[in-house]
Amino acid sequence: MTSKINQWTKLELQTYILLLCANADSNETEVEIEMIKSKVDPETFDKIYNEFKADTDEEVQFEKIDDSIQHQDYNNMELAKFRQEIHEIFFSDGKFRMMEQNLNRILDNILY
């Protein structure tokens, strides 16, 4: 399956990934959404949130992320900070469920 290569900025890509993390257990909470909103301007959040909601196929989501990651130039410090934000979303409810653990491993493979 091929998808149109996204020309996302780093912030847009990170927002999309954080939304994916918030939805990993099929239950994005208001706390998770507010955490994400606090990291991005409202226009960017709305744009990416609408795109994320339209992408119902997991394979498409991962392909978009992988395509976009390849066009970004992340250094180790940026990746470490971003991984910390991912974990903040996962642990926002005090639990690290199996679905979240699986997504964490997939993201490790894509990001590194």
PDB file of N, CA and C in Angstrom:
ATOM      1  N   MET A   1       0.843  -1.165   0.000  1.00  0.00           N
ATOM      2  CA  MET A   1       0.000   0.000   0.000  1.00  0.00           C
ATOM      3  C   MET A   1       0.893   1.235   0.000  1.00  0.00           C
ATOM      4  N   THR A   2       0.595   2.144  -0.840  1.00  0.00           N
ATOM      5  CA  THR A   2       1.380   3.366  -0.880  1.00  0.00           C
ATOM      6  C   THR A   2       0.510   4.531  -0.467  1.00  0.00           C
ATOM      7  N   SER A   3       1.133   5.468   0.186  1.00  0.00           N
ATOM      8  CA  SER A   3       0.413   6.663   0.593  1.00  0.00           C
ATOM      9  C   SER A   3       1.184   7.879   0.121  1.00  0.00           C
ATOM     10  N   LYS A   4       0.488   8.977   0.051  1.00  0.00           N
ATOM     11  CA  LYS A   4       1.127  10.231  -0.298  1.00  0.00           C
ATOM     12  C   LYS A   4       2.109  10.596   0.806  1.00  0.00           C
ATOM     13  N   ILE A   5       3.322  10.941   0.432  1.00  0.00           N
ATOM     14  CA  ILE A   5       4.323  11.317   1.430  1.00  0.00           C
ATOM     15  C   ILE A   5       3.896  12.618   2.090  1.00  0.00           C
ATOM     16  N   ASN A   6       3.847  12.581   3.394  1.00  0.00           N
ATOM     17  CA  ASN A   6       3.443  13.751   4.161  1.00  0.00           C
ATOM     18  C   ASN A   6       4.585  14.748   4.217  1.00  0.00           C
ATOM     19  N   GLN A   7       4.242  15.971   4.113  1.00  0.00           N
ATOM     20  CA  GLN A   7       5.218  17.035   4.271  1.00  0.00           C
ATOM     21  C   GLN A   7       4.980  17.703   5.620  1.00  0.00           C
ATOM     22  N   TRP A   8       4.888  16.865   6.645  1.00  0.00           N
ATOM     23  CA  TRP A   8       4.670  17.382   7.983  1.00  0.00           C
ATOM     24  C   TRP A   8       5.917  18.048   8.523  1.00  0.00           C
ATOM     25  N   THR A   9       5.706  19.039   9.359  1.00  0.00           N
ATOM     26  CA  THR A   9       6.804  19.593  10.135  1.00  0.00           C
ATOM     27  C   THR A   9       7.081  18.617  11.286  1.00  0.00           C
ATOM     28  N   LYS A  10       8.170  18.836  11.999  1.00  0.00           N
ATOM     29  CA  LYS A  10       8.463  17.989  13.157  1.00  0.00           C
ATOM     30  C   LYS A  10       7.328  18.068  14.176  1.00  0.00           C
ATOM     31  N   LEU A  11       6.821  19.263  14.404  1.00  0.00           N
ATOM     32  CA  LEU A  11       5.751  19.447  15.375  1.00  0.00           C
ATOM     33  C   LEU A  11       4.482  18.699  14.949  1.00  0.00           C
ATOM     34  N   GLU A  12       4.152  18.752  13.678  1.00  0.00           N
ATOM     35  CA  GLU A  12       2.976  18.037  13.179  1.00  0.00           C
ATOM     36  C   GLU A  12       3.169  16.525  13.321  1.00  0.00           C
ATOM     37  N   LEU A  13       4.347  16.038  12.979  1.00  0.00           N
ATOM     38  CA  LEU A  13       4.644  14.616  13.106  1.00  0.00           C
ATOM     39  C   LEU A  13       4.549  14.180  14.565  1.00  0.00           C
ATOM     40  N   GLN A  14       5.137  14.945  15.449  1.00  0.00           N
ATOM     41  CA  GLN A  14       5.106  14.603  16.865  1.00  0.00           C
ATOM     42  C   GLN A  14       3.667  14.622  17.392  1.00  0.00           C
ATOM     43  N   THR A  15       2.872  15.562  16.956  1.00  0.00           N
ATOM     44  CA  THR A  15       1.469  15.633  17.364  1.00  0.00           C
ATOM     45  C   THR A  15       0.720  14.389  16.910  1.00  0.00           C
ATOM     46  N   TYR A  16       0.949  13.972  15.683  1.00  0.00           N
ATOM     47  CA  TYR A  16       0.289  12.774  15.152  1.00  0.00           C
ATOM     48  C   TYR A  16       0.680  11.540  15.967  1.00  0.00           C
ATOM     49  N   ILE A  17       1.962  11.414  16.267  1.00  0.00           N
ATOM     50  CA  ILE A  17       2.436  10.262  17.042  1.00  0.00           C
ATOM     51  C   ILE A  17       1.860  10.293  18.457  1.00  0.00           C
ATOM     52  N   LEU A  18       1.820  11.460  19.073  1.00  0.00           N
ATOM     53  CA  LEU A  18       1.253  11.553  20.416  1.00  0.00           C
ATOM     54  C   LEU A  18      -0.233  11.206  20.419  1.00  0.00           C
ATOM     55  N   LEU A  19      -0.948  11.593  19.371  1.00  0.00           N
ATOM     56  CA  LEU A  19      -2.362  11.201  19.254  1.00  0.00           C
ATOM     57  C   LEU A  19      -2.485   9.686  19.118  1.00  0.00           C
ATOM     58  N   LEU A  20      -1.586   9.089  18.356  1.00  0.00           N
ATOM     59  CA  LEU A  20      -1.578   7.637  18.221  1.00  0.00           C
ATOM     60  C   LEU A  20      -1.335   6.989  19.587  1.00  0.00           C
ATOM     61  N   CYS A  21      -0.421   7.536  20.354  1.00  0.00           N
ATOM     62  CA  CYS A  21      -0.132   7.010  21.693  1.00  0.00           C
ATOM     63  C   CYS A  21      -1.339   7.158  22.615  1.00  0.00           C
ATOM     64  N   ALA A  22      -2.008   8.299  22.543  1.00  0.00           N
ATOM     65  CA  ALA A  22      -3.180   8.533  23.388  1.00  0.00           C
ATOM     66  C   ALA A  22      -4.295   7.548  23.053  1.00  0.00           C
ATOM     67  N   ASN A  23      -4.334   7.114  21.814  1.00  0.00           N
ATOM     68  CA  ASN A  23      -5.386   6.226  21.343  1.00  0.00           C
ATOM     69  C   ASN A  23      -4.951   4.760  21.349  1.00  0.00           C
ATOM     70  N   ALA A  24      -3.771   4.453  21.855  1.00  0.00           N
ATOM     71  CA  ALA A  24      -3.231   3.092  21.811  1.00  0.00           C
ATOM     72  C   ALA A  24      -4.132   2.081  22.506  1.00  0.00           C
ATOM     73  N   ASP A  25      -4.750   2.492  23.595  1.00  0.00           N
ATOM     74  CA  ASP A  25      -5.642   1.589  24.322  1.00  0.00           C
ATOM     75  C   ASP A  25      -7.106   1.809  23.926  1.00  0.00           C
ATOM     76  N   SER A  26      -7.307   2.443  22.779  1.00  0.00           N
ATOM     77  CA  SER A  26      -8.641   2.742  22.229  1.00  0.00           C
ATOM     78  C   SER A  26      -9.462   3.632  23.156  1.00  0.00           C
ATOM     79  N   ASN A  27      -8.793   4.394  23.982  1.00  0.00           N
ATOM     80  CA  ASN A  27      -9.483   5.265  24.926  1.00  0.00           C
ATOM     81  C   ASN A  27      -8.650   6.510  25.167  1.00  0.00           C
ATOM     82  N   GLU A  28      -8.755   7.479  24.280  1.00  0.00           N
ATOM     83  CA  GLU A  28      -8.014   8.712  24.501  1.00  0.00           C
ATOM     84  C   GLU A  28      -8.775   9.539  25.525  1.00  0.00           C
ATOM     85  N   THR A  29      -8.087   9.894  26.597  1.00  0.00           N
ATOM     86  CA  THR A  29      -8.730  10.626  27.682  1.00  0.00           C
ATOM     87  C   THR A  29      -8.564  12.124  27.478  1.00  0.00           C
ATOM     88  N   GLU A  30      -9.372  12.870  28.200  1.00  0.00           N
ATOM     89  CA  GLU A  30      -9.284  14.331  28.148  1.00  0.00           C
ATOM     90  C   GLU A  30      -7.915  14.787  28.661  1.00  0.00           C
ATOM     91  N   VAL A  31      -7.371  14.091  29.653  1.00  0.00           N
ATOM     92  CA  VAL A  31      -6.045  14.426  30.188  1.00  0.00           C
ATOM     93  C   VAL A  31      -4.990  14.274  29.085  1.00  0.00           C
ATOM     94  N   GLU A  32      -5.049  13.172  28.340  1.00  0.00           N
ATOM     95  CA  GLU A  32      -4.085  12.944  27.257  1.00  0.00           C
ATOM     96  C   GLU A  32      -4.212  14.014  26.180  1.00  0.00           C
ATOM     97  N   ILE A  33      -5.449  14.328  25.794  1.00  0.00           N
ATOM     98  CA  ILE A  33      -5.669  15.345  24.753  1.00  0.00           C
ATOM     99  C   ILE A  33      -5.161  16.703  25.230  1.00  0.00           C
ATOM    100  N   GLU A  34      -5.429  17.049  26.476  1.00  0.00           N
ATOM    101  CA  GLU A  34      -4.954  18.329  27.004  1.00  0.00           C
ATOM    102  C   GLU A  34      -3.426  18.377  27.064  1.00  0.00           C
ATOM    103  N   MET A  35      -2.789  17.244  27.383  1.00  0.00           N
ATOM    104  CA  MET A  35      -1.325  17.191  27.394  1.00  0.00           C
ATOM    105  C   MET A  35      -0.784  17.492  25.994  1.00  0.00           C
ATOM    106  N   ILE A  36      -1.406  16.911  24.985  1.00  0.00           N
ATOM    107  CA  ILE A  36      -0.967  17.121  23.609  1.00  0.00           C
ATOM    108  C   ILE A  36      -1.223  18.564  23.190  1.00  0.00           C
ATOM    109  N   LYS A  37      -2.398  19.073  23.498  1.00  0.00           N
ATOM    110  CA  LYS A  37      -2.735  20.454  23.141  1.00  0.00           C
ATOM    111  C   LYS A  37      -1.768  21.456  23.761  1.00  0.00           C
ATOM    112  N   SER A  38      -1.245  21.124  24.940  1.00  0.00           N
ATOM    113  CA  SER A  38      -0.328  22.046  25.615  1.00  0.00           C
ATOM    114  C   SER A  38       1.023  22.148  24.901  1.00  0.00           C
ATOM    115  N   LYS A  39       1.294  21.236  23.987  1.00  0.00           N
ATOM    116  CA  LYS A  39       2.582  21.200  23.289  1.00  0.00           C
ATOM    117  C   LYS A  39       2.530  21.801  21.886  1.00  0.00           C
ATOM    118  N   VAL A  40       1.318  22.224  21.460  1.00  0.00           N
ATOM    119  CA  VAL A  40       1.148  22.651  20.076  1.00  0.00           C
ATOM    120  C   VAL A  40       0.096  23.760  19.994  1.00  0.00           C
ATOM    121  N   ASP A  41       0.183  24.573  18.959  1.00  0.00           N
ATOM    122  CA  ASP A  41      -0.808  25.628  18.779  1.00  0.00           C
ATOM    123  C   ASP A  41      -2.143  25.019  18.324  1.00  0.00           C
ATOM    124  N   PRO A  42      -3.250  25.707  18.581  1.00  0.00           N
ATOM    125  CA  PRO A  42      -4.580  25.155  18.274  1.00  0.00           C
ATOM    126  C   PRO A  42      -4.799  24.801  16.802  1.00  0.00           C
ATOM    127  N   GLU A  43      -4.276  25.598  15.887  1.00  0.00           N
ATOM    128  CA  GLU A  43      -4.471  25.326  14.460  1.00  0.00           C
ATOM    129  C   GLU A  43      -3.785  24.027  14.047  1.00  0.00           C
ATOM    130  N   THR A  44      -2.561  23.843  14.510  1.00  0.00           N
ATOM    131  CA  THR A  44      -1.822  22.618  14.186  1.00  0.00           C
ATOM    132  C   THR A  44      -2.521  21.418  14.804  1.00  0.00           C
ATOM    133  N   PHE A  45      -2.946  21.553  16.069  1.00  0.00           N
ATOM    134  CA  PHE A  45      -3.631  20.441  16.716  1.00  0.00           C
ATOM    135  C   PHE A  45      -4.878  20.047  15.933  1.00  0.00           C
ATOM    136  N   ASP A  46      -5.703  21.013  15.583  1.00  0.00           N
ATOM    137  CA  ASP A  46      -6.951  20.715  14.864  1.00  0.00           C
ATOM    138  C   ASP A  46      -6.675  20.056  13.521  1.00  0.00           C
ATOM    139  N   LYS A  47      -5.692  20.565  12.795  1.00  0.00           N
ATOM    140  CA  LYS A  47      -5.341  19.991  11.488  1.00  0.00           C
ATOM    141  C   LYS A  47      -4.922  18.529  11.637  1.00  0.00           C
ATOM    142  N   ILE A  48      -4.007  18.263  12.553  1.00  0.00           N
ATOM    143  CA  ILE A  48      -3.477  16.909  12.713  1.00  0.00           C
ATOM    144  C   ILE A  48      -4.515  15.993  13.355  1.00  0.00           C
ATOM    145  N   TYR A  49      -5.299  16.505  14.288  1.00  0.00           N
ATOM    146  CA  TYR A  49      -6.334  15.688  14.931  1.00  0.00           C
ATOM    147  C   TYR A  49      -7.364  15.224  13.900  1.00  0.00           C
ATOM    148  N   ASN A  50      -7.773  16.120  13.022  1.00  0.00           N
ATOM    149  CA  ASN A  50      -8.727  15.751  11.973  1.00  0.00           C
ATOM    150  C   ASN A  50      -8.135  14.718  11.024  1.00  0.00           C
ATOM    151  N   GLU A  51      -6.872  14.885  10.681  1.00  0.00           N
ATOM    152  CA  GLU A  51      -6.215  13.906   9.812  1.00  0.00           C
ATOM    153  C   GLU A  51      -6.097  12.562  10.520  1.00  0.00           C
ATOM    154  N   PHE A  52      -5.717  12.584  11.800  1.00  0.00           N
ATOM    155  CA  PHE A  52      -5.586  11.352  12.562  1.00  0.00           C
ATOM    156  C   PHE A  52      -6.919  10.613  12.632  1.00  0.00           C
ATOM    157  N   LYS A  53      -7.995  11.325  12.903  1.00  0.00           N
ATOM    158  CA  LYS A  53      -9.317  10.705  13.004  1.00  0.00           C
ATOM    159  C   LYS A  53      -9.759  10.110  11.668  1.00  0.00           C
ATOM    160  N   ALA A  54      -9.322  10.699  10.568  1.00  0.00           N
ATOM    161  CA  ALA A  54      -9.685  10.190   9.236  1.00  0.00           C
ATOM    162  C   ALA A  54      -8.896   8.929   8.883  1.00  0.00           C
ATOM    163  N   ASP A  55      -7.737   8.745   9.501  1.00  0.00           N
ATOM    164  CA  ASP A  55      -6.887   7.577   9.240  1.00  0.00           C
ATOM    165  C   ASP A  55      -7.293   6.439  10.171  1.00  0.00           C
ATOM    166  N   THR A  56      -8.203   5.616   9.708  1.00  0.00           N
ATOM    167  CA  THR A  56      -8.723   4.549  10.565  1.00  0.00           C
ATOM    168  C   THR A  56      -7.913   3.261  10.464  1.00  0.00           C
ATOM    169  N   ASP A  57      -7.060   3.146   9.472  1.00  0.00           N
ATOM    170  CA  ASP A  57      -6.267   1.940   9.274  1.00  0.00           C
ATOM    171  C   ASP A  57      -4.890   2.118   9.922  1.00  0.00           C
ATOM    172  N   GLU A  58      -4.553   1.221  10.855  1.00  0.00           N
ATOM    173  CA  GLU A  58      -3.264   1.287  11.550  1.00  0.00           C
ATOM    174  C   GLU A  58      -2.085   1.248  10.594  1.00  0.00           C
ATOM    175  N   GLU A  59      -2.191   0.440   9.553  1.00  0.00           N
ATOM    176  CA  GLU A  59      -1.097   0.326   8.580  1.00  0.00           C
ATOM    177  C   GLU A  59      -0.829   1.674   7.914  1.00  0.00           C
ATOM    178  N   VAL A  60      -1.878   2.391   7.585  1.00  0.00           N
ATOM    179  CA  VAL A  60      -1.731   3.720   6.977  1.00  0.00           C
ATOM    180  C   VAL A  60      -1.080   4.674   7.974  1.00  0.00           C
ATOM    181  N   GLN A  61      -1.508   4.602   9.225  1.00  0.00           N
ATOM    182  CA  GLN A  61      -0.926   5.476  10.244  1.00  0.00           C
ATOM    183  C   GLN A  61       0.581   5.259  10.370  1.00  0.00           C
ATOM    184  N   PHE A  62       0.981   3.993  10.478  1.00  0.00           N
ATOM    185  CA  PHE A  62       2.410   3.685  10.621  1.00  0.00           C
ATOM    186  C   PHE A  62       3.197   4.057   9.372  1.00  0.00           C
ATOM    187  N   GLU A  63       2.603   3.859   8.207  1.00  0.00           N
ATOM    188  CA  GLU A  63       3.279   4.204   6.964  1.00  0.00           C
ATOM    189  C   GLU A  63       3.489   5.712   6.866  1.00  0.00           C
ATOM    190  N   LYS A  64       2.490   6.480   7.247  1.00  0.00           N
ATOM    191  CA  LYS A  64       2.619   7.942   7.235  1.00  0.00           C
ATOM    192  C   LYS A  64       3.735   8.390   8.180  1.00  0.00           C
ATOM    193  N   ILE A  65       3.761   7.792   9.372  1.00  0.00           N
ATOM    194  CA  ILE A  65       4.793   8.146  10.345  1.00  0.00           C
ATOM    195  C   ILE A  65       6.174   7.787   9.808  1.00  0.00           C
ATOM    196  N   ASP A  66       6.308   6.586   9.290  1.00  0.00           N
ATOM    197  CA  ASP A  66       7.599   6.128   8.765  1.00  0.00           C
ATOM    198  C   ASP A  66       8.063   7.013   7.617  1.00  0.00           C
ATOM    199  N   ASP A  67       7.164   7.342   6.702  1.00  0.00           N
ATOM    200  CA  ASP A  67       7.519   8.215   5.575  1.00  0.00           C
ATOM    201  C   ASP A  67       7.984   9.582   6.065  1.00  0.00           C
ATOM    202  N   SER A  68       7.284  10.118   7.031  1.00  0.00           N
ATOM    203  CA  SER A  68       7.611  11.450   7.524  1.00  0.00           C
ATOM    204  C   SER A  68       8.903  11.458   8.341  1.00  0.00           C
ATOM    205  N   ILE A  69       9.111  10.440   9.150  1.00  0.00           N
ATOM    206  CA  ILE A  69      10.332  10.338   9.956  1.00  0.00           C
ATOM    207  C   ILE A  69      11.566  10.358   9.059  1.00  0.00           C
ATOM    208  N   GLN A  70      11.480   9.702   7.930  1.00  0.00           N
ATOM    209  CA  GLN A  70      12.621   9.622   7.016  1.00  0.00           C
ATOM    210  C   GLN A  70      12.992  10.980   6.435  1.00  0.00           C
ATOM    211  N   HIS A  71      12.060  11.927   6.462  1.00  0.00           N
ATOM    212  CA  HIS A  71      12.324  13.250   5.898  1.00  0.00           C
ATOM    213  C   HIS A  71      12.663  14.296   6.959  1.00  0.00           C
ATOM    214  N   GLN A  72      12.724  13.862   8.199  1.00  0.00           N
ATOM    215  CA  GLN A  72      13.082  14.764   9.291  1.00  0.00           C
ATOM    216  C   GLN A  72      14.517  14.460   9.723  1.00  0.00           C
ATOM    217  N   ASP A  73      15.141  15.441  10.289  1.00  0.00           N
ATOM    218  CA  ASP A  73      16.515  15.282  10.751  1.00  0.00           C
ATOM    219  C   ASP A  73      16.551  15.453  12.267  1.00  0.00           C
ATOM    220  N   TYR A  74      16.211  14.377  12.980  1.00  0.00           N
ATOM    221  CA  TYR A  74      16.203  14.416  14.432  1.00  0.00           C
ATOM    222  C   TYR A  74      17.596  14.106  14.968  1.00  0.00           C
ATOM    223  N   ASN A  75      18.031  14.886  15.972  1.00  0.00           N
ATOM    224  CA  ASN A  75      19.263  14.532  16.659  1.00  0.00           C
ATOM    225  C   ASN A  75      18.900  13.721  17.907  1.00  0.00           C
ATOM    226  N   ASN A  76      19.891  13.177  18.577  1.00  0.00           N
ATOM    227  CA  ASN A  76      19.642  12.310  19.730  1.00  0.00           C
ATOM    228  C   ASN A  76      18.908  13.021  20.863  1.00  0.00           C
ATOM    229  N   MET A  77      19.221  14.271  21.091  1.00  0.00           N
ATOM    230  CA  MET A  77      18.556  15.028  22.158  1.00  0.00           C
ATOM    231  C   MET A  77      17.074  15.219  21.842  1.00  0.00           C
ATOM    232  N   GLU A  78      16.756  15.534  20.596  1.00  0.00           N
ATOM    233  CA  GLU A  78      15.360  15.700  20.204  1.00  0.00           C
ATOM    234  C   GLU A  78      14.586  14.391  20.368  1.00  0.00           C
ATOM    235  N   LEU A  79      15.205  13.284  19.953  1.00  0.00           N
ATOM    236  CA  LEU A  79      14.545  11.978  20.086  1.00  0.00           C
ATOM    237  C   LEU A  79      14.333  11.611  21.551  1.00  0.00           C
ATOM    238  N   ALA A  80      15.307  11.890  22.393  1.00  0.00           N
ATOM    239  CA  ALA A  80      15.176  11.578  23.816  1.00  0.00           C
ATOM    240  C   ALA A  80      14.039  12.396  24.445  1.00  0.00           C
ATOM    241  N   LYS A  81      13.957  13.665  24.099  1.00  0.00           N
ATOM    242  CA  LYS A  81      12.877  14.519  24.624  1.00  0.00           C
ATOM    243  C   LYS A  81      11.531  14.035  24.108  1.00  0.00           C
ATOM    244  N   PHE A  82      11.482  13.662  22.839  1.00  0.00           N
ATOM    245  CA  PHE A  82      10.237  13.187  22.253  1.00  0.00           C
ATOM    246  C   PHE A  82       9.803  11.867  22.887  1.00  0.00           C
ATOM    247  N   ARG A  83      10.751  10.963  23.125  1.00  0.00           N
ATOM    248  CA  ARG A  83      10.421   9.683  23.783  1.00  0.00           C
ATOM    249  C   ARG A  83       9.858   9.943  25.184  1.00  0.00           C
ATOM    250  N   GLN A  84      10.386  10.952  25.870  1.00  0.00           N
ATOM    251  CA  GLN A  84       9.882  11.315  27.191  1.00  0.00           C
ATOM    252  C   GLN A  84       8.419  11.772  27.083  1.00  0.00           C
ATOM    253  N   GLU A  85       8.097  12.564  26.065  1.00  0.00           N
ATOM    254  CA  GLU A  85       6.720  13.016  25.863  1.00  0.00           C
ATOM    255  C   GLU A  85       5.794  11.834  25.561  1.00  0.00           C
ATOM    256  N   ILE A  86       6.281  10.883  24.784  1.00  0.00           N
ATOM    257  CA  ILE A  86       5.502   9.678  24.476  1.00  0.00           C
ATOM    258  C   ILE A  86       5.184   8.928  25.766  1.00  0.00           C
ATOM    259  N   HIS A  87       6.184   8.765  26.613  1.00  0.00           N
ATOM    260  CA  HIS A  87       5.971   8.043  27.869  1.00  0.00           C
ATOM    261  C   HIS A  87       5.037   8.803  28.814  1.00  0.00           C
ATOM    262  N   GLU A  88       5.075  10.129  28.776  1.00  0.00           N
ATOM    263  CA  GLU A  88       4.144  10.917  29.586  1.00  0.00           C
ATOM    264  C   GLU A  88       2.699  10.613  29.189  1.00  0.00           C
ATOM    265  N   ILE A  89       2.456  10.468  27.895  1.00  0.00           N
ATOM    266  CA  ILE A  89       1.113  10.129  27.407  1.00  0.00           C
ATOM    267  C   ILE A  89       0.746   8.718  27.873  1.00  0.00           C
ATOM    268  N   PHE A  90       1.644   7.767  27.664  1.00  0.00           N
ATOM    269  CA  PHE A  90       1.363   6.388  28.056  1.00  0.00           C
ATOM    270  C   PHE A  90       1.048   6.273  29.548  1.00  0.00           C
ATOM    271  N   PHE A  91       1.795   6.980  30.382  1.00  0.00           N
ATOM    272  CA  PHE A  91       1.663   6.837  31.829  1.00  0.00           C
ATOM    273  C   PHE A  91       0.707   7.857  32.460  1.00  0.00           C
ATOM    274  N   SER A  92      -0.004   8.625  31.645  1.00  0.00           N
ATOM    275  CA  SER A  92      -0.886   9.660  32.186  1.00  0.00           C
ATOM    276  C   SER A  92      -1.994   9.087  33.068  1.00  0.00           C
ATOM    277  N   ASP A  93      -2.361   7.823  32.843  1.00  0.00           N
ATOM    278  CA  ASP A  93      -3.383   7.189  33.671  1.00  0.00           C
ATOM    279  C   ASP A  93      -2.774   6.274  34.740  1.00  0.00           C
ATOM    280  N   GLY A  94      -1.449   6.294  34.850  1.00  0.00           N
ATOM    281  CA  GLY A  94      -0.774   5.500  35.864  1.00  0.00           C
ATOM    282  C   GLY A  94      -0.578   4.038  35.484  1.00  0.00           C
ATOM    283  N   LYS A  95      -0.946   3.675  34.268  1.00  0.00           N
ATOM    284  CA  LYS A  95      -0.816   2.292  33.807  1.00  0.00           C
ATOM    285  C   LYS A  95      -0.104   2.270  32.456  1.00  0.00           C
ATOM    286  N   PHE A  96       0.569   1.159  32.196  1.00  0.00           N
ATOM    287  CA  PHE A  96       1.257   0.965  30.913  1.00  0.00           C
ATOM    288  C   PHE A  96       0.735  -0.356  30.345  1.00  0.00           C
ATOM    289  N   ARG A  97      -0.392  -0.259  29.674  1.00  0.00           N
ATOM    290  CA  ARG A  97      -1.110  -1.442  29.194  1.00  0.00           C
ATOM    291  C   ARG A  97      -0.360  -2.134  28.054  1.00  0.00           C
ATOM    292  N   MET A  98      -0.741  -3.384  27.818  1.00  0.00           N
ATOM    293  CA  MET A  98      -0.080  -4.189  26.796  1.00  0.00           C
ATOM    294  C   MET A  98      -0.131  -3.523  25.419  1.00  0.00           C
ATOM    295  N   MET A  99      -1.266  -2.941  25.061  1.00  0.00           N
ATOM    296  CA  MET A  99      -1.369  -2.284  23.755  1.00  0.00           C
ATOM    297  C   MET A  99      -0.415  -1.100  23.662  1.00  0.00           C
ATOM    298  N   GLU A 100      -0.253  -0.392  24.764  1.00  0.00           N
ATOM    299  CA  GLU A 100       0.683   0.727  24.803  1.00  0.00           C
ATOM    300  C   GLU A 100       2.122   0.227  24.719  1.00  0.00           C
ATOM    301  N   GLN A 101       2.413  -0.882  25.380  1.00  0.00           N
ATOM    302  CA  GLN A 101       3.746  -1.467  25.313  1.00  0.00           C
ATOM    303  C   GLN A 101       4.080  -1.896  23.885  1.00  0.00           C
ATOM    304  N   ASN A 102       3.113  -2.490  23.213  1.00  0.00           N
ATOM    305  CA  ASN A 102       3.322  -2.916  21.817  1.00  0.00           C
ATOM    306  C   ASN A 102       3.581  -1.709  20.919  1.00  0.00           C
ATOM    307  N   LEU A 103       2.788  -0.662  21.084  1.00  0.00           N
ATOM    308  CA  LEU A 103       2.991   0.550  20.286  1.00  0.00           C
ATOM    309  C   LEU A 103       4.353   1.162  20.596  1.00  0.00           C
ATOM    310  N   ASN A 104       4.759   1.131  21.843  1.00  0.00           N
ATOM    311  CA  ASN A 104       6.066   1.659  22.235  1.00  0.00           C
ATOM    312  C   ASN A 104       7.197   0.943  21.482  1.00  0.00           C
ATOM    313  N   ARG A 105       7.104  -0.385  21.393  1.00  0.00           N
ATOM    314  CA  ARG A 105       8.122  -1.154  20.646  1.00  0.00           C
ATOM    315  C   ARG A 105       8.102  -0.809  19.153  1.00  0.00           C
ATOM    316  N   ILE A 106       6.915  -0.665  18.587  1.00  0.00           N
ATOM    317  CA  ILE A 106       6.800  -0.313  17.165  1.00  0.00           C
ATOM    318  C   ILE A 106       7.422   1.064  16.918  1.00  0.00           C
ATOM    319  N   LEU A 107       7.110   2.014  17.786  1.00  0.00           N
ATOM    320  CA  LEU A 107       7.672   3.363  17.629  1.00  0.00           C
ATOM    321  C   LEU A 107       9.182   3.366  17.790  1.00  0.00           C
ATOM    322  N   ASP A 108       9.711   2.553  18.694  1.00  0.00           N
ATOM    323  CA  ASP A 108      11.164   2.428  18.820  1.00  0.00           C
ATOM    324  C   ASP A 108      11.781   2.006  17.494  1.00  0.00           C
ATOM    325  N   ASN A 109      11.160   1.034  16.838  1.00  0.00           N
ATOM    326  CA  ASN A 109      11.679   0.557  15.554  1.00  0.00           C
ATOM    327  C   ASN A 109      11.594   1.614  14.466  1.00  0.00           C
ATOM    328  N   ILE A 110      10.538   2.410  14.493  1.00  0.00           N
ATOM    329  CA  ILE A 110      10.372   3.453  13.466  1.00  0.00           C
ATOM    330  C   ILE A 110      11.303   4.631  13.729  1.00  0.00           C
ATOM    331  N   LEU A 111      11.393   5.052  14.983  1.00  0.00           N
ATOM    332  CA  LEU A 111      12.170   6.254  15.313  1.00  0.00           C
ATOM    333  C   LEU A 111      13.677   6.035  15.254  1.00  0.00           C
ATOM    334  N   TYR A 112      14.128   4.813  15.554  1.00  0.00           N
ATOM    335  CA  TYR A 112      15.574   4.589  15.623  1.00  0.00           C
ATOM    336  C   TYR A 112      16.021   3.740  14.508  1.00  0.00           C
TER     337      TYR A 112
END
